[in-house]
Amino acid sequence: MPIGNLRETSLHAALKAWYARPGDELEAKVAGYFIDLRRGDTLIEIQTRNFSALKHKLTRLLEGYRVQLVHPVAREKYIVRQGKKGQTLSRRKSPKRGQAVALFDELVSIAELAANPRFSLEIVLTREEEISREGRGGSWRRRGWKVVDRRLLDVLDQVDFNNPSDYAAFLPATLPAAFTTRDLAEQSGCPLYLAQKMVYCLRRMGALEVVGKRRNAPIYKRTR
């Protein structure tokens, strides 16, 4: 079902306003879908999470249009807790700092689209507020607090990915020519689960190939 303004988070709405230029068409209807921004023959979609929900839509749109997917990653985040009436109870800075490599958490759902020359991805590194309220539906990990919104405070940087080679740039220069996911995790300093997602994505877009095995672990080599 097409998604319009009624279901937007504050972050999504703020990014759409930040990206919009004079002459852009907002909430344009293309091929039966509502698009955040239409700029000539380029369609701009802003997705804060859950790329899998967009897979069919993006695949269809790429048949006739250039599509730019925009995804925010919080480099700096403030945790705001509110009372039931919306009053601020506390505000603190999160020690976590998001990085562009986090894109692979979501990209696994649509990795093959990255090889399409009409597709591009832009990671927006942001300063955000995460708004939580106590009540029903709250996460046990957050001790009953539920995230109800994300607010954009500032755009700190943008990183563009236009082809598989751009994604392969995350592979460290110190990585052996033939490597396993564990090698990648150790050399890049990222968690093993993220290294596995990175390798999966790069294989799906044709930037890596399997060239053998080390014990039971596949060995990969760059193709570009």
N, C-alpha and C. Protein backbone atom coordinates (compact mmCIF):
# COMPACT_ATOMS: atom_id res chain seq x y z
N MET A 1 0.85 -1.19 0.00
CA MET A 1 0.00 0.00 0.00
C MET A 1 0.89 1.24 0.00
N PRO A 2 0.61 2.23 -0.88
CA PRO A 2 1.41 3.43 -0.90
C PRO A 2 1.39 4.14 0.45
N ILE A 3 2.50 4.71 0.81
CA ILE A 3 2.63 5.38 2.09
C ILE A 3 2.75 6.88 1.87
N GLY A 4 1.96 7.65 2.53
CA GLY A 4 2.00 9.11 2.40
C GLY A 4 2.38 9.78 3.69
N ASN A 5 1.98 11.04 3.83
CA ASN A 5 2.40 11.84 4.97
C ASN A 5 1.88 11.33 6.30
N LEU A 6 0.72 10.66 6.32
CA LEU A 6 0.08 10.31 7.57
C LEU A 6 0.92 9.36 8.42
N ARG A 7 1.77 8.57 7.79
CA ARG A 7 2.54 7.58 8.54
C ARG A 7 4.02 7.95 8.63
N GLU A 8 4.38 9.18 8.28
CA GLU A 8 5.77 9.60 8.34
C GLU A 8 6.22 9.82 9.78
N THR A 9 7.47 9.47 10.05
CA THR A 9 8.08 9.89 11.31
C THR A 9 8.60 11.31 11.12
N SER A 10 8.92 11.95 12.23
CA SER A 10 9.48 13.30 12.14
C SER A 10 10.78 13.30 11.34
N LEU A 11 11.60 12.25 11.53
CA LEU A 11 12.88 12.15 10.82
C LEU A 11 12.66 12.07 9.32
N HIS A 12 11.73 11.23 8.90
CA HIS A 12 11.44 11.07 7.47
C HIS A 12 10.97 12.38 6.87
N ALA A 13 10.04 13.05 7.54
CA ALA A 13 9.51 14.31 7.02
C ALA A 13 10.59 15.39 6.95
N ALA A 14 11.47 15.43 7.97
CA ALA A 14 12.52 16.44 7.99
C ALA A 14 13.54 16.20 6.88
N LEU A 15 13.88 14.93 6.64
CA LEU A 15 14.83 14.62 5.56
C LEU A 15 14.23 14.94 4.19
N LYS A 16 12.97 14.67 4.04
CA LYS A 16 12.32 14.99 2.76
C LYS A 16 12.36 16.50 2.51
N ALA A 17 12.10 17.29 3.53
CA ALA A 17 12.17 18.74 3.39
C ALA A 17 13.61 19.20 3.13
N TRP A 18 14.59 18.52 3.77
CA TRP A 18 16.00 18.89 3.61
C TRP A 18 16.48 18.60 2.19
N TYR A 19 15.98 17.52 1.59
CA TYR A 19 16.41 17.13 0.24
C TYR A 19 15.70 17.90 -0.86
N ALA A 20 14.51 18.35 -0.60
CA ALA A 20 13.69 18.96 -1.65
C ALA A 20 14.34 20.22 -2.23
N ARG A 21 14.26 20.31 -3.56
CA ARG A 21 14.77 21.48 -4.27
C ARG A 21 13.61 22.12 -5.04
N PRO A 22 13.77 23.38 -5.41
CA PRO A 22 12.73 24.02 -6.23
C PRO A 22 12.49 23.21 -7.51
N GLY A 23 11.25 22.95 -7.82
CA GLY A 23 10.91 22.18 -9.02
C GLY A 23 10.66 20.72 -8.75
N ASP A 24 11.06 20.22 -7.57
CA ASP A 24 10.79 18.82 -7.22
C ASP A 24 9.29 18.62 -7.00
N GLU A 25 8.84 17.43 -7.33
CA GLU A 25 7.45 17.07 -7.08
C GLU A 25 7.41 16.16 -5.85
N LEU A 26 6.72 16.60 -4.80
CA LEU A 26 6.63 15.82 -3.57
C LEU A 26 5.41 14.89 -3.62
N GLU A 27 5.59 13.70 -3.06
CA GLU A 27 4.53 12.69 -3.04
C GLU A 27 3.97 12.45 -4.44
N ALA A 28 4.88 12.34 -5.40
CA ALA A 28 4.47 12.08 -6.79
C ALA A 28 4.00 10.64 -6.92
N LYS A 29 3.01 10.42 -7.75
CA LYS A 29 2.53 9.06 -7.99
C LYS A 29 3.13 8.55 -9.29
N VAL A 30 3.91 7.46 -9.19
CA VAL A 30 4.60 6.88 -10.34
C VAL A 30 4.35 5.37 -10.34
N ALA A 31 3.85 4.85 -11.44
CA ALA A 31 3.61 3.40 -11.59
C ALA A 31 2.78 2.84 -10.43
N GLY A 32 1.85 3.63 -9.94
CA GLY A 32 0.97 3.16 -8.87
C GLY A 32 1.53 3.33 -7.47
N TYR A 33 2.72 3.94 -7.34
CA TYR A 33 3.36 4.13 -6.04
C TYR A 33 3.52 5.61 -5.75
N PHE A 34 3.44 5.98 -4.48
CA PHE A 34 3.78 7.35 -4.08
C PHE A 34 5.29 7.41 -3.81
N ILE A 35 5.92 8.44 -4.39
CA ILE A 35 7.36 8.63 -4.29
C ILE A 35 7.62 9.89 -3.47
N ASP A 36 8.59 9.83 -2.57
CA ASP A 36 8.87 10.99 -1.73
C ASP A 36 9.17 12.23 -2.55
N LEU A 37 10.12 12.10 -3.49
CA LEU A 37 10.50 13.23 -4.34
C LEU A 37 10.73 12.76 -5.76
N ARG A 38 10.20 13.48 -6.71
CA ARG A 38 10.50 13.22 -8.12
C ARG A 38 11.24 14.42 -8.67
N ARG A 39 12.44 14.17 -9.21
CA ARG A 39 13.29 15.23 -9.74
C ARG A 39 13.63 14.85 -11.18
N GLY A 40 12.82 15.30 -12.12
CA GLY A 40 13.00 14.90 -13.51
C GLY A 40 12.76 13.41 -13.65
N ASP A 41 13.75 12.69 -14.20
CA ASP A 41 13.59 11.24 -14.35
C ASP A 41 14.20 10.47 -13.18
N THR A 42 14.53 11.20 -12.10
CA THR A 42 15.08 10.55 -10.90
C THR A 42 14.05 10.55 -9.78
N LEU A 43 13.86 9.38 -9.17
CA LEU A 43 12.94 9.23 -8.06
C LEU A 43 13.75 9.08 -6.78
N ILE A 44 13.43 9.85 -5.76
CA ILE A 44 14.16 9.82 -4.49
C ILE A 44 13.25 9.26 -3.41
N GLU A 45 13.68 8.16 -2.82
CA GLU A 45 12.93 7.52 -1.75
C GLU A 45 13.74 7.59 -0.46
N ILE A 46 13.14 8.04 0.61
CA ILE A 46 13.79 8.11 1.91
C ILE A 46 13.26 6.97 2.77
N GLN A 47 14.16 6.12 3.24
CA GLN A 47 13.76 4.96 4.04
C GLN A 47 14.61 4.91 5.30
N THR A 48 13.98 5.07 6.45
CA THR A 48 14.71 5.09 7.70
C THR A 48 15.05 3.69 8.19
N ARG A 49 14.30 2.68 7.76
CA ARG A 49 14.58 1.28 8.14
C ARG A 49 13.77 0.36 7.24
N ASN A 50 14.05 -0.96 7.35
CA ASN A 50 13.28 -2.00 6.68
C ASN A 50 13.28 -1.86 5.15
N PHE A 51 14.48 -2.04 4.54
CA PHE A 51 14.58 -2.01 3.09
C PHE A 51 13.74 -3.11 2.43
N SER A 52 13.53 -4.22 3.14
CA SER A 52 12.80 -5.34 2.54
C SER A 52 11.40 -4.93 2.12
N ALA A 53 10.80 -3.98 2.83
CA ALA A 53 9.46 -3.53 2.48
C ALA A 53 9.44 -2.78 1.15
N LEU A 54 10.61 -2.35 0.69
CA LEU A 54 10.69 -1.57 -0.56
C LEU A 54 11.11 -2.40 -1.76
N LYS A 55 11.47 -3.65 -1.56
CA LYS A 55 12.10 -4.42 -2.63
C LYS A 55 11.25 -4.47 -3.89
N HIS A 56 10.00 -4.84 -3.77
CA HIS A 56 9.14 -4.96 -4.96
C HIS A 56 8.94 -3.60 -5.61
N LYS A 57 8.74 -2.59 -4.79
CA LYS A 57 8.53 -1.23 -5.31
C LYS A 57 9.75 -0.74 -6.08
N LEU A 58 10.95 -0.89 -5.50
CA LEU A 58 12.16 -0.43 -6.17
C LEU A 58 12.44 -1.20 -7.45
N THR A 59 12.22 -2.51 -7.41
CA THR A 59 12.44 -3.34 -8.60
C THR A 59 11.56 -2.86 -9.75
N ARG A 60 10.32 -2.57 -9.43
CA ARG A 60 9.38 -2.10 -10.46
C ARG A 60 9.79 -0.72 -10.99
N LEU A 61 10.14 0.18 -10.13
CA LEU A 61 10.48 1.54 -10.54
C LEU A 61 11.77 1.59 -11.36
N LEU A 62 12.71 0.70 -11.04
CA LEU A 62 13.99 0.69 -11.76
C LEU A 62 13.84 0.24 -13.21
N GLU A 63 12.69 -0.29 -13.56
CA GLU A 63 12.47 -0.69 -14.96
C GLU A 63 12.43 0.52 -15.88
N GLY A 64 12.07 1.69 -15.34
CA GLY A 64 11.96 2.86 -16.22
C GLY A 64 12.53 4.15 -15.67
N TYR A 65 13.06 4.11 -14.43
CA TYR A 65 13.53 5.35 -13.81
C TYR A 65 14.86 5.14 -13.08
N ARG A 66 15.55 6.26 -12.86
CA ARG A 66 16.68 6.25 -11.95
C ARG A 66 16.11 6.41 -10.55
N VAL A 67 16.61 5.62 -9.62
CA VAL A 67 16.09 5.65 -8.25
C VAL A 67 17.24 5.88 -7.27
N GLN A 68 17.09 6.89 -6.44
CA GLN A 68 18.06 7.15 -5.37
C GLN A 68 17.38 6.83 -4.03
N LEU A 69 17.97 5.90 -3.30
CA LEU A 69 17.47 5.55 -1.98
C LEU A 69 18.31 6.28 -0.93
N VAL A 70 17.65 6.96 -0.02
CA VAL A 70 18.32 7.73 1.03
C VAL A 70 18.05 7.04 2.36
N HIS A 71 19.13 6.79 3.11
CA HIS A 71 19.00 6.10 4.39
C HIS A 71 19.81 6.82 5.47
N PRO A 72 19.16 7.27 6.55
CA PRO A 72 19.90 7.95 7.62
C PRO A 72 20.53 6.99 8.61
N VAL A 73 21.74 7.32 9.02
CA VAL A 73 22.45 6.59 10.09
C VAL A 73 22.86 7.64 11.12
N ALA A 74 22.49 7.40 12.37
CA ALA A 74 22.76 8.39 13.43
C ALA A 74 24.22 8.32 13.89
N ARG A 75 25.01 9.29 13.47
CA ARG A 75 26.39 9.36 13.98
C ARG A 75 26.37 9.85 15.43
N GLU A 76 25.46 10.75 15.72
CA GLU A 76 25.28 11.24 17.09
C GLU A 76 23.80 11.12 17.43
N LYS A 77 23.52 10.56 18.61
CA LYS A 77 22.13 10.36 19.00
C LYS A 77 21.91 10.74 20.45
N TYR A 78 20.80 11.42 20.69
CA TYR A 78 20.39 11.78 22.04
C TYR A 78 19.12 11.00 22.39
N ILE A 79 19.12 10.39 23.55
CA ILE A 79 17.98 9.61 24.01
C ILE A 79 17.11 10.51 24.89
N VAL A 80 15.88 10.72 24.45
CA VAL A 80 14.94 11.57 25.18
C VAL A 80 13.81 10.70 25.71
N ARG A 81 13.59 10.75 27.01
CA ARG A 81 12.48 10.02 27.61
C ARG A 81 11.38 11.01 27.99
N GLN A 82 10.16 10.65 27.59
CA GLN A 82 9.02 11.53 27.83
C GLN A 82 7.99 10.84 28.72
N GLY A 83 7.25 11.67 29.44
CA GLY A 83 6.13 11.17 30.22
C GLY A 83 4.93 10.92 29.32
N LYS A 84 3.85 10.43 29.91
CA LYS A 84 2.67 10.08 29.13
C LYS A 84 2.04 11.29 28.44
N LYS A 85 2.28 12.48 28.97
CA LYS A 85 1.72 13.69 28.37
C LYS A 85 2.71 14.38 27.43
N GLY A 86 3.83 13.73 27.17
CA GLY A 86 4.82 14.27 26.23
C GLY A 86 5.86 15.16 26.86
N GLN A 87 5.84 15.30 28.19
CA GLN A 87 6.83 16.15 28.84
C GLN A 87 8.18 15.44 28.92
N THR A 88 9.27 16.17 28.75
CA THR A 88 10.60 15.59 28.78
C THR A 88 11.00 15.26 30.21
N LEU A 89 11.38 14.00 30.44
CA LEU A 89 11.83 13.55 31.74
C LEU A 89 13.35 13.52 31.84
N SER A 90 14.00 13.15 30.73
CA SER A 90 15.46 13.11 30.71
C SER A 90 15.96 13.17 29.28
N ARG A 91 17.20 13.58 29.14
CA ARG A 91 17.85 13.64 27.81
C ARG A 91 19.33 13.37 28.02
N ARG A 92 19.85 12.36 27.30
CA ARG A 92 21.27 12.04 27.43
C ARG A 92 21.82 11.65 26.06
N LYS A 93 23.13 11.83 25.91
CA LYS A 93 23.78 11.47 24.66
C LYS A 93 24.15 10.00 24.66
N SER A 94 23.81 9.30 23.59
CA SER A 94 24.16 7.89 23.47
C SER A 94 25.66 7.74 23.20
N PRO A 95 26.32 6.76 23.80
CA PRO A 95 27.75 6.56 23.53
C PRO A 95 27.99 5.95 22.14
N LYS A 96 26.95 5.42 21.51
CA LYS A 96 27.10 4.78 20.22
C LYS A 96 27.22 5.81 19.10
N ARG A 97 28.12 5.55 18.16
CA ARG A 97 28.31 6.43 17.01
C ARG A 97 28.13 5.60 15.74
N GLY A 98 27.06 5.87 15.03
CA GLY A 98 26.78 5.13 13.80
C GLY A 98 27.76 5.47 12.69
N GLN A 99 28.06 4.49 11.85
CA GLN A 99 28.97 4.68 10.73
C GLN A 99 28.30 4.20 9.45
N ALA A 100 28.81 4.66 8.31
CA ALA A 100 28.19 4.33 7.02
C ALA A 100 28.15 2.83 6.77
N VAL A 101 29.10 2.07 7.34
CA VAL A 101 29.13 0.62 7.11
C VAL A 101 27.86 -0.06 7.63
N ALA A 102 27.12 0.64 8.50
CA ALA A 102 25.86 0.09 9.02
C ALA A 102 24.83 -0.12 7.91
N LEU A 103 25.08 0.42 6.73
CA LEU A 103 24.15 0.24 5.62
C LEU A 103 23.92 -1.23 5.29
N PHE A 104 24.93 -2.09 5.56
CA PHE A 104 24.80 -3.50 5.22
C PHE A 104 23.76 -4.22 6.07
N ASP A 105 23.41 -3.65 7.22
CA ASP A 105 22.34 -4.23 8.04
C ASP A 105 21.03 -4.28 7.25
N GLU A 106 20.79 -3.24 6.46
CA GLU A 106 19.55 -3.16 5.68
C GLU A 106 19.72 -3.62 4.24
N LEU A 107 20.92 -3.43 3.69
CA LEU A 107 21.15 -3.72 2.27
C LEU A 107 20.97 -5.19 1.93
N VAL A 108 21.09 -6.09 2.92
CA VAL A 108 20.96 -7.52 2.64
C VAL A 108 19.63 -7.84 1.96
N SER A 109 18.61 -7.03 2.18
CA SER A 109 17.29 -7.29 1.61
C SER A 109 17.21 -6.96 0.12
N ILE A 110 18.08 -6.06 -0.35
CA ILE A 110 17.98 -5.59 -1.74
C ILE A 110 19.35 -5.55 -2.41
N ALA A 111 20.28 -6.37 -1.95
CA ALA A 111 21.68 -6.27 -2.40
C ALA A 111 21.83 -6.34 -3.91
N GLU A 112 21.03 -7.18 -4.57
CA GLU A 112 21.19 -7.33 -6.01
C GLU A 112 20.85 -6.06 -6.78
N LEU A 113 20.06 -5.17 -6.18
CA LEU A 113 19.69 -3.93 -6.86
C LEU A 113 20.88 -2.98 -7.00
N ALA A 114 21.88 -3.15 -6.13
CA ALA A 114 23.06 -2.28 -6.18
C ALA A 114 23.84 -2.43 -7.47
N ALA A 115 23.65 -3.53 -8.18
CA ALA A 115 24.34 -3.74 -9.46
C ALA A 115 23.60 -3.08 -10.62
N ASN A 116 22.39 -2.60 -10.37
CA ASN A 116 21.60 -1.94 -11.41
C ASN A 116 22.14 -0.52 -11.61
N PRO A 117 22.55 -0.16 -12.82
CA PRO A 117 23.13 1.17 -13.05
C PRO A 117 22.15 2.32 -12.79
N ARG A 118 20.86 2.02 -12.71
CA ARG A 118 19.88 3.07 -12.41
C ARG A 118 19.70 3.31 -10.91
N PHE A 119 20.30 2.44 -10.10
CA PHE A 119 20.11 2.53 -8.65
C PHE A 119 21.29 3.19 -7.97
N SER A 120 21.02 4.03 -6.99
CA SER A 120 22.06 4.60 -6.15
C SER A 120 21.55 4.70 -4.72
N LEU A 121 22.47 4.70 -3.79
CA LEU A 121 22.15 4.78 -2.37
C LEU A 121 22.95 5.91 -1.76
N GLU A 122 22.29 6.71 -0.94
CA GLU A 122 23.01 7.75 -0.22
C GLU A 122 22.78 7.56 1.27
N ILE A 123 23.87 7.40 2.01
CA ILE A 123 23.81 7.32 3.46
C ILE A 123 23.96 8.73 4.02
N VAL A 124 23.01 9.12 4.87
CA VAL A 124 23.05 10.43 5.49
C VAL A 124 23.43 10.24 6.95
N LEU A 125 24.57 10.75 7.33
CA LEU A 125 25.02 10.66 8.72
C LEU A 125 24.44 11.85 9.47
N THR A 126 23.67 11.55 10.51
CA THR A 126 22.86 12.57 11.15
C THR A 126 23.18 12.76 12.63
N ARG A 127 22.68 13.86 13.16
CA ARG A 127 22.56 14.06 14.60
C ARG A 127 21.06 14.00 14.88
N GLU A 128 20.66 13.08 15.76
CA GLU A 128 19.23 12.83 15.97
C GLU A 128 18.86 12.81 17.45
N GLU A 129 17.56 12.92 17.67
CA GLU A 129 16.96 12.61 18.97
C GLU A 129 16.07 11.38 18.80
N GLU A 130 16.19 10.44 19.73
CA GLU A 130 15.32 9.28 19.75
C GLU A 130 14.35 9.46 20.92
N ILE A 131 13.06 9.52 20.62
CA ILE A 131 12.05 9.82 21.62
C ILE A 131 11.42 8.52 22.12
N SER A 132 11.45 8.30 23.44
CA SER A 132 10.88 7.10 24.04
C SER A 132 9.85 7.48 25.09
N ARG A 133 8.83 6.62 25.18
CA ARG A 133 7.81 6.80 26.22
C ARG A 133 7.57 5.46 26.90
N GLU A 134 7.22 5.53 28.17
CA GLU A 134 6.94 4.33 28.93
C GLU A 134 5.49 3.93 28.75
N GLY A 135 5.27 2.62 28.56
CA GLY A 135 3.90 2.16 28.41
C GLY A 135 3.82 0.84 27.69
N ARG A 136 2.62 0.47 27.29
CA ARG A 136 2.39 -0.79 26.62
C ARG A 136 3.14 -0.84 25.30
N GLY A 137 3.70 -2.02 25.00
CA GLY A 137 4.45 -2.18 23.76
C GLY A 137 5.92 -1.84 23.90
N GLY A 138 6.33 -1.43 25.09
CA GLY A 138 7.72 -1.11 25.30
C GLY A 138 8.61 -2.34 25.28
N SER A 139 9.85 -2.16 24.86
CA SER A 139 10.79 -3.28 24.76
C SER A 139 11.31 -3.66 26.14
N TRP A 140 11.46 -4.98 26.38
CA TRP A 140 12.04 -5.41 27.66
C TRP A 140 13.49 -4.98 27.76
N ARG A 141 14.15 -4.87 26.60
CA ARG A 141 15.55 -4.43 26.63
C ARG A 141 15.64 -2.97 27.05
N ARG A 142 14.59 -2.20 26.77
CA ARG A 142 14.57 -0.80 27.18
C ARG A 142 13.78 -0.62 28.48
N ARG A 143 13.51 -1.75 29.15
CA ARG A 143 12.82 -1.74 30.44
C ARG A 143 11.46 -1.05 30.36
N GLY A 144 10.72 -1.42 29.32
CA GLY A 144 9.35 -0.91 29.19
C GLY A 144 9.22 0.38 28.42
N TRP A 145 10.33 0.96 27.98
CA TRP A 145 10.28 2.20 27.19
C TRP A 145 10.15 1.86 25.71
N LYS A 146 9.30 2.58 25.02
CA LYS A 146 9.04 2.34 23.60
C LYS A 146 9.48 3.55 22.78
N VAL A 147 10.26 3.30 21.71
CA VAL A 147 10.65 4.39 20.81
C VAL A 147 9.44 4.80 19.98
N VAL A 148 9.06 6.07 20.09
CA VAL A 148 7.87 6.56 19.39
C VAL A 148 8.20 7.50 18.24
N ASP A 149 9.43 8.00 18.19
CA ASP A 149 9.77 8.92 17.10
C ASP A 149 11.27 9.13 17.05
N ARG A 150 11.74 9.62 15.90
CA ARG A 150 13.12 10.06 15.73
C ARG A 150 13.07 11.45 15.12
N ARG A 151 13.89 12.35 15.65
CA ARG A 151 13.89 13.73 15.19
C ARG A 151 15.26 14.11 14.64
N LEU A 152 15.27 14.76 13.50
CA LEU A 152 16.51 15.22 12.89
C LEU A 152 16.95 16.52 13.54
N LEU A 153 18.19 16.54 14.02
CA LEU A 153 18.79 17.76 14.56
C LEU A 153 19.71 18.41 13.55
N ASP A 154 20.47 17.57 12.80
CA ASP A 154 21.42 18.11 11.83
C ASP A 154 21.87 17.01 10.88
N VAL A 155 22.25 17.39 9.67
CA VAL A 155 22.89 16.48 8.72
C VAL A 155 24.39 16.75 8.80
N LEU A 156 25.16 15.71 9.17
CA LEU A 156 26.60 15.87 9.39
C LEU A 156 27.43 15.52 8.17
N ASP A 157 26.97 14.55 7.38
CA ASP A 157 27.74 14.13 6.20
C ASP A 157 26.85 13.28 5.30
N GLN A 158 27.26 13.10 4.07
CA GLN A 158 26.56 12.26 3.11
C GLN A 158 27.59 11.39 2.39
N VAL A 159 27.26 10.13 2.19
CA VAL A 159 28.16 9.20 1.48
C VAL A 159 27.35 8.54 0.36
N ASP A 160 27.85 8.65 -0.86
CA ASP A 160 27.13 8.13 -2.03
C ASP A 160 27.69 6.80 -2.49
N PHE A 161 26.79 5.92 -2.94
CA PHE A 161 27.14 4.61 -3.49
C PHE A 161 26.39 4.47 -4.82
N ASN A 162 27.17 4.44 -5.91
CA ASN A 162 26.57 4.42 -7.24
C ASN A 162 26.79 3.12 -8.01
N ASN A 163 27.72 2.28 -7.53
CA ASN A 163 28.01 1.03 -8.22
C ASN A 163 28.66 0.07 -7.22
N PRO A 164 28.79 -1.21 -7.58
CA PRO A 164 29.37 -2.19 -6.65
C PRO A 164 30.75 -1.84 -6.12
N SER A 165 31.56 -1.16 -6.93
CA SER A 165 32.91 -0.78 -6.48
C SER A 165 32.87 0.17 -5.29
N ASP A 166 31.84 1.01 -5.24
CA ASP A 166 31.71 1.93 -4.11
C ASP A 166 31.49 1.16 -2.81
N TYR A 167 30.68 0.11 -2.86
CA TYR A 167 30.44 -0.71 -1.67
C TYR A 167 31.68 -1.53 -1.30
N ALA A 168 32.40 -1.99 -2.32
CA ALA A 168 33.61 -2.78 -2.09
C ALA A 168 34.72 -1.96 -1.45
N ALA A 169 34.59 -0.63 -1.46
CA ALA A 169 35.58 0.24 -0.84
C ALA A 169 35.64 0.04 0.67
N PHE A 170 34.63 -0.62 1.25
CA PHE A 170 34.66 -0.92 2.68
C PHE A 170 35.65 -2.04 3.01
N LEU A 171 36.10 -2.79 2.02
CA LEU A 171 37.07 -3.84 2.26
C LEU A 171 38.43 -3.20 2.57
N PRO A 172 39.02 -3.49 3.73
CA PRO A 172 40.29 -2.85 4.11
C PRO A 172 41.42 -3.17 3.14
N ALA A 173 42.31 -2.21 2.96
CA ALA A 173 43.47 -2.42 2.08
C ALA A 173 44.39 -3.50 2.63
N THR A 174 44.32 -3.75 3.94
CA THR A 174 45.17 -4.76 4.57
C THR A 174 44.62 -6.17 4.42
N LEU A 175 43.45 -6.30 3.84
CA LEU A 175 42.82 -7.61 3.71
C LEU A 175 43.57 -8.45 2.67
N PRO A 176 43.84 -9.73 2.94
CA PRO A 176 44.52 -10.59 1.95
C PRO A 176 43.69 -10.68 0.66
N ALA A 177 44.34 -11.03 -0.42
CA ALA A 177 43.64 -11.15 -1.70
C ALA A 177 42.54 -12.20 -1.62
N ALA A 178 42.78 -13.27 -0.87
CA ALA A 178 41.77 -14.31 -0.61
C ALA A 178 41.50 -14.32 0.89
N PHE A 179 40.25 -14.21 1.30
CA PHE A 179 39.95 -14.02 2.72
C PHE A 179 38.62 -14.66 3.10
N THR A 180 38.43 -14.85 4.39
CA THR A 180 37.18 -15.36 4.94
C THR A 180 36.45 -14.20 5.63
N THR A 181 35.20 -14.44 6.02
CA THR A 181 34.47 -13.40 6.73
C THR A 181 35.15 -13.07 8.07
N ARG A 182 35.76 -14.06 8.69
CA ARG A 182 36.46 -13.79 9.95
C ARG A 182 37.67 -12.89 9.70
N ASP A 183 38.38 -13.12 8.59
CA ASP A 183 39.49 -12.22 8.23
C ASP A 183 38.98 -10.79 8.08
N LEU A 184 37.84 -10.67 7.42
CA LEU A 184 37.26 -9.34 7.18
C LEU A 184 36.89 -8.67 8.51
N ALA A 185 36.27 -9.43 9.41
CA ALA A 185 35.89 -8.87 10.70
C ALA A 185 37.12 -8.39 11.47
N GLU A 186 38.18 -9.18 11.47
CA GLU A 186 39.38 -8.83 12.21
C GLU A 186 40.08 -7.61 11.62
N GLN A 187 40.15 -7.54 10.29
CA GLN A 187 40.87 -6.45 9.64
C GLN A 187 40.07 -5.14 9.66
N SER A 188 38.75 -5.24 9.62
CA SER A 188 37.92 -4.04 9.57
C SER A 188 37.52 -3.55 10.95
N GLY A 189 37.57 -4.46 11.93
CA GLY A 189 37.15 -4.09 13.27
C GLY A 189 35.65 -4.11 13.47
N CYS A 190 34.91 -4.62 12.49
CA CYS A 190 33.46 -4.70 12.63
C CYS A 190 33.06 -6.06 13.19
N PRO A 191 31.88 -6.18 13.79
CA PRO A 191 31.44 -7.47 14.33
C PRO A 191 31.33 -8.51 13.23
N LEU A 192 31.48 -9.78 13.61
CA LEU A 192 31.43 -10.86 12.63
C LEU A 192 30.11 -10.88 11.88
N TYR A 193 29.00 -10.62 12.58
CA TYR A 193 27.70 -10.67 11.91
C TYR A 193 27.61 -9.62 10.81
N LEU A 194 28.24 -8.45 11.03
CA LEU A 194 28.21 -7.40 10.02
C LEU A 194 29.14 -7.74 8.85
N ALA A 195 30.27 -8.36 9.15
CA ALA A 195 31.16 -8.82 8.09
C ALA A 195 30.46 -9.86 7.21
N GLN A 196 29.67 -10.73 7.81
CA GLN A 196 28.91 -11.73 7.05
C GLN A 196 27.89 -11.07 6.14
N LYS A 197 27.23 -10.04 6.65
CA LYS A 197 26.26 -9.31 5.82
C LYS A 197 26.96 -8.57 4.68
N MET A 198 28.12 -8.01 4.97
CA MET A 198 28.88 -7.31 3.94
C MET A 198 29.27 -8.25 2.81
N VAL A 199 29.79 -9.42 3.17
CA VAL A 199 30.20 -10.40 2.17
C VAL A 199 28.99 -10.88 1.36
N TYR A 200 27.88 -11.13 2.03
CA TYR A 200 26.67 -11.55 1.33
C TYR A 200 26.25 -10.52 0.29
N CYS A 201 26.23 -9.24 0.70
CA CYS A 201 25.83 -8.17 -0.21
C CYS A 201 26.79 -8.04 -1.39
N LEU A 202 28.09 -8.06 -1.11
CA LEU A 202 29.07 -7.90 -2.17
C LEU A 202 29.02 -9.06 -3.16
N ARG A 203 28.72 -10.25 -2.66
CA ARG A 203 28.55 -11.39 -3.57
C ARG A 203 27.32 -11.20 -4.45
N ARG A 204 26.21 -10.78 -3.86
CA ARG A 204 24.96 -10.62 -4.62
C ARG A 204 25.09 -9.56 -5.70
N MET A 205 25.92 -8.54 -5.46
CA MET A 205 26.07 -7.49 -6.47
C MET A 205 27.25 -7.75 -7.40
N GLY A 206 27.93 -8.90 -7.22
CA GLY A 206 28.99 -9.29 -8.14
C GLY A 206 30.35 -8.73 -7.84
N ALA A 207 30.56 -8.20 -6.63
CA ALA A 207 31.86 -7.62 -6.29
C ALA A 207 32.80 -8.63 -5.65
N LEU A 208 32.27 -9.78 -5.22
CA LEU A 208 33.07 -10.86 -4.64
C LEU A 208 32.68 -12.18 -5.26
N GLU A 209 33.62 -13.14 -5.25
CA GLU A 209 33.32 -14.49 -5.69
C GLU A 209 33.99 -15.48 -4.74
N VAL A 210 33.41 -16.68 -4.66
CA VAL A 210 33.99 -17.74 -3.84
C VAL A 210 35.07 -18.45 -4.66
N VAL A 211 36.26 -18.59 -4.08
CA VAL A 211 37.37 -19.22 -4.80
C VAL A 211 37.89 -20.48 -4.11
N GLY A 212 37.27 -20.87 -3.00
CA GLY A 212 37.72 -22.06 -2.30
C GLY A 212 37.17 -22.12 -0.89
N LYS A 213 37.80 -22.99 -0.07
CA LYS A 213 37.37 -23.12 1.32
C LYS A 213 38.59 -23.26 2.22
N ARG A 214 38.47 -22.74 3.43
CA ARG A 214 39.47 -22.94 4.47
C ARG A 214 38.75 -23.66 5.60
N ARG A 215 39.02 -24.95 5.73
CA ARG A 215 38.20 -25.81 6.59
C ARG A 215 36.77 -25.73 6.07
N ASN A 216 35.84 -25.25 6.87
CA ASN A 216 34.46 -25.14 6.38
C ASN A 216 34.08 -23.72 5.97
N ALA A 217 35.04 -22.80 6.04
CA ALA A 217 34.74 -21.41 5.74
C ALA A 217 35.04 -21.07 4.29
N PRO A 218 34.07 -20.51 3.55
CA PRO A 218 34.32 -20.10 2.17
C PRO A 218 35.41 -19.03 2.11
N ILE A 219 36.19 -19.07 1.06
CA ILE A 219 37.23 -18.08 0.81
C ILE A 219 36.76 -17.20 -0.34
N TYR A 220 36.88 -15.89 -0.15
CA TYR A 220 36.37 -14.92 -1.13
C TYR A 220 37.51 -14.13 -1.77
N LYS A 221 37.23 -13.65 -2.96
CA LYS A 221 38.18 -12.81 -3.68
C LYS A 221 37.41 -11.71 -4.41
N ARG A 222 38.00 -10.53 -4.45
CA ARG A 222 37.35 -9.42 -5.14
C ARG A 222 37.31 -9.66 -6.65
N THR A 223 36.25 -9.21 -7.28
CA THR A 223 36.14 -9.28 -8.72
C THR A 223 36.31 -7.91 -9.36
N ARG A 224 36.35 -6.88 -8.51
CA ARG A 224 36.52 -5.52 -9.03
C ARG A 224 37.21 -4.65 -8.00
